[in-house]
Amino acid sequence: MKKIQKEISREESKQIMLDILKDISRFCDEHNIKYYLAAGTLIGAIRHKGFIPWDDDIDIEIPRPD
């Protein structure tokens, strides 16, 4: 079976990552799990009010006990 791949734009990629981050946030909140934004995701949220323009991932940390 041939795998079909679709290229997505950087903006589409960022929207997908934001949707994933929202889902993770909702899950963690519902289950009382602490989590933190880290690295480029944290810098982007503070300095750029979103993503760092060249960043292509999300960085989340969860303490081991959680």
C-alpha atoms as a PDB file:
ATOM      1  CA  MET A   1       0.000   0.000   0.000  1.00  0.00           C
ATOM      2  CA  LYS A   2       1.428   3.363  -1.016  1.00  0.00           C
ATOM      3  CA  LYS A   3       1.629   5.985   1.693  1.00  0.00           C
ATOM      4  CA  ILE A   4       0.287   9.396   0.668  1.00  0.00           C
ATOM      5  CA  GLN A   5       2.044  12.342   2.228  1.00  0.00           C
ATOM      6  CA  LYS A   6       0.778  15.885   2.183  1.00  0.00           C
ATOM      7  CA  GLU A   7       3.063  18.799   2.806  1.00  0.00           C
ATOM      8  CA  ILE A   8       1.685  21.311   5.234  1.00  0.00           C
ATOM      9  CA  SER A   9       2.692  24.916   5.670  1.00  0.00           C
ATOM     10  CA  ARG A  10       4.496  26.216   8.726  1.00  0.00           C
ATOM     11  CA  GLU A  11       1.271  27.965   9.797  1.00  0.00           C
ATOM     12  CA  GLU A  12      -0.744  24.741   9.446  1.00  0.00           C
ATOM     13  CA  SER A  13       1.918  22.945  11.468  1.00  0.00           C
ATOM     14  CA  LYS A  14       1.757  25.566  14.218  1.00  0.00           C
ATOM     15  CA  GLN A  15      -2.042  25.312  14.342  1.00  0.00           C
ATOM     16  CA  ILE A  16      -1.820  21.527  14.705  1.00  0.00           C
ATOM     17  CA  MET A  17       0.742  21.895  17.496  1.00  0.00           C
ATOM     18  CA  LEU A  18      -1.450  24.476  19.257  1.00  0.00           C
ATOM     19  CA  ASP A  19      -4.446  22.126  19.042  1.00  0.00           C
ATOM     20  CA  ILE A  20      -2.320  19.302  20.514  1.00  0.00           C
ATOM     21  CA  LEU A  21      -1.112  21.590  23.296  1.00  0.00           C
ATOM     22  CA  LYS A  22      -4.704  22.571  24.116  1.00  0.00           C
ATOM     23  CA  ASP A  23      -5.700  18.890  24.280  1.00  0.00           C
ATOM     24  CA  ILE A  24      -2.761  18.098  26.574  1.00  0.00           C
ATOM     25  CA  SER A  25      -3.610  21.101  28.766  1.00  0.00           C
ATOM     26  CA  ARG A  26      -7.246  20.045  29.044  1.00  0.00           C
ATOM     27  CA  PHE A  27      -6.279  16.445  29.882  1.00  0.00           C
ATOM     28  CA  CYS A  28      -3.750  17.522  32.509  1.00  0.00           C
ATOM     29  CA  ASP A  29      -6.207  19.956  34.081  1.00  0.00           C
ATOM     30  CA  GLU A  30      -8.955  17.301  34.225  1.00  0.00           C
ATOM     31  CA  HIS A  31      -6.582  14.800  35.876  1.00  0.00           C
ATOM     32  CA  ASN A  32      -4.828  17.273  38.162  1.00  0.00           C
ATOM     33  CA  ILE A  33      -1.465  16.752  36.434  1.00  0.00           C
ATOM     34  CA  LYS A  34       1.080  19.544  36.676  1.00  0.00           C
ATOM     35  CA  TYR A  35       2.825  20.526  33.461  1.00  0.00           C
ATOM     36  CA  TYR A  36       5.023  23.348  32.309  1.00  0.00           C
ATOM     37  CA  LEU A  37       5.889  24.910  29.008  1.00  0.00           C
ATOM     38  CA  ALA A  38       9.647  24.795  28.481  1.00  0.00           C
ATOM     39  CA  ALA A  39      12.449  25.913  26.172  1.00  0.00           C
ATOM     40  CA  GLY A  40      11.320  27.521  22.902  1.00  0.00           C
ATOM     41  CA  THR A  41       7.628  27.043  23.662  1.00  0.00           C
ATOM     42  CA  LEU A  42       7.937  29.058  26.868  1.00  0.00           C
ATOM     43  CA  ILE A  43      10.085  31.740  25.232  1.00  0.00           C
ATOM     44  CA  GLY A  44       7.627  31.998  22.342  1.00  0.00           C
ATOM     45  CA  ALA A  45       4.644  32.298  24.663  1.00  0.00           C
ATOM     46  CA  ILE A  46       6.260  35.135  26.594  1.00  0.00           C
ATOM     47  CA  ARG A  47       8.328  36.990  24.015  1.00  0.00           C
ATOM     48  CA  HIS A  48       6.330  36.394  20.826  1.00  0.00           C
ATOM     49  CA  LYS A  49       2.840  35.871  22.314  1.00  0.00           C
ATOM     50  CA  GLY A  50       2.755  32.600  20.370  1.00  0.00           C
ATOM     51  CA  PHE A  51       5.403  30.535  18.633  1.00  0.00           C
ATOM     52  CA  ILE A  52       8.974  31.547  17.947  1.00  0.00           C
ATOM     53  CA  PRO A  53       8.874  32.048  14.165  1.00  0.00           C
ATOM     54  CA  TRP A  54      11.504  29.360  13.463  1.00  0.00           C
ATOM     55  CA  ASP A  55      10.387  26.877  16.142  1.00  0.00           C
ATOM     56  CA  ASP A  56       8.912  23.612  14.897  1.00  0.00           C
ATOM     57  CA  ASP A  57       7.944  21.747  18.044  1.00  0.00           C
ATOM     58  CA  ILE A  58       6.280  22.102  21.430  1.00  0.00           C
ATOM     59  CA  ASP A  59       8.186  21.623  24.656  1.00  0.00           C
ATOM     60  CA  ILE A  60       6.270  20.400  27.701  1.00  0.00           C
ATOM     61  CA  GLU A  61       7.623  19.161  31.011  1.00  0.00           C
ATOM     62  CA  ILE A  62       5.712  17.046  33.512  1.00  0.00           C
ATOM     63  CA  PRO A  63       7.155  16.322  36.969  1.00  0.00           C
ATOM     64  CA  ARG A  64       7.856  12.604  37.499  1.00  0.00           C
ATOM     65  CA  PRO A  65       5.356  12.268  40.392  1.00  0.00           C
ATOM     66  CA  ASP A  66       2.600  13.403  38.047  1.00  0.00           C
END
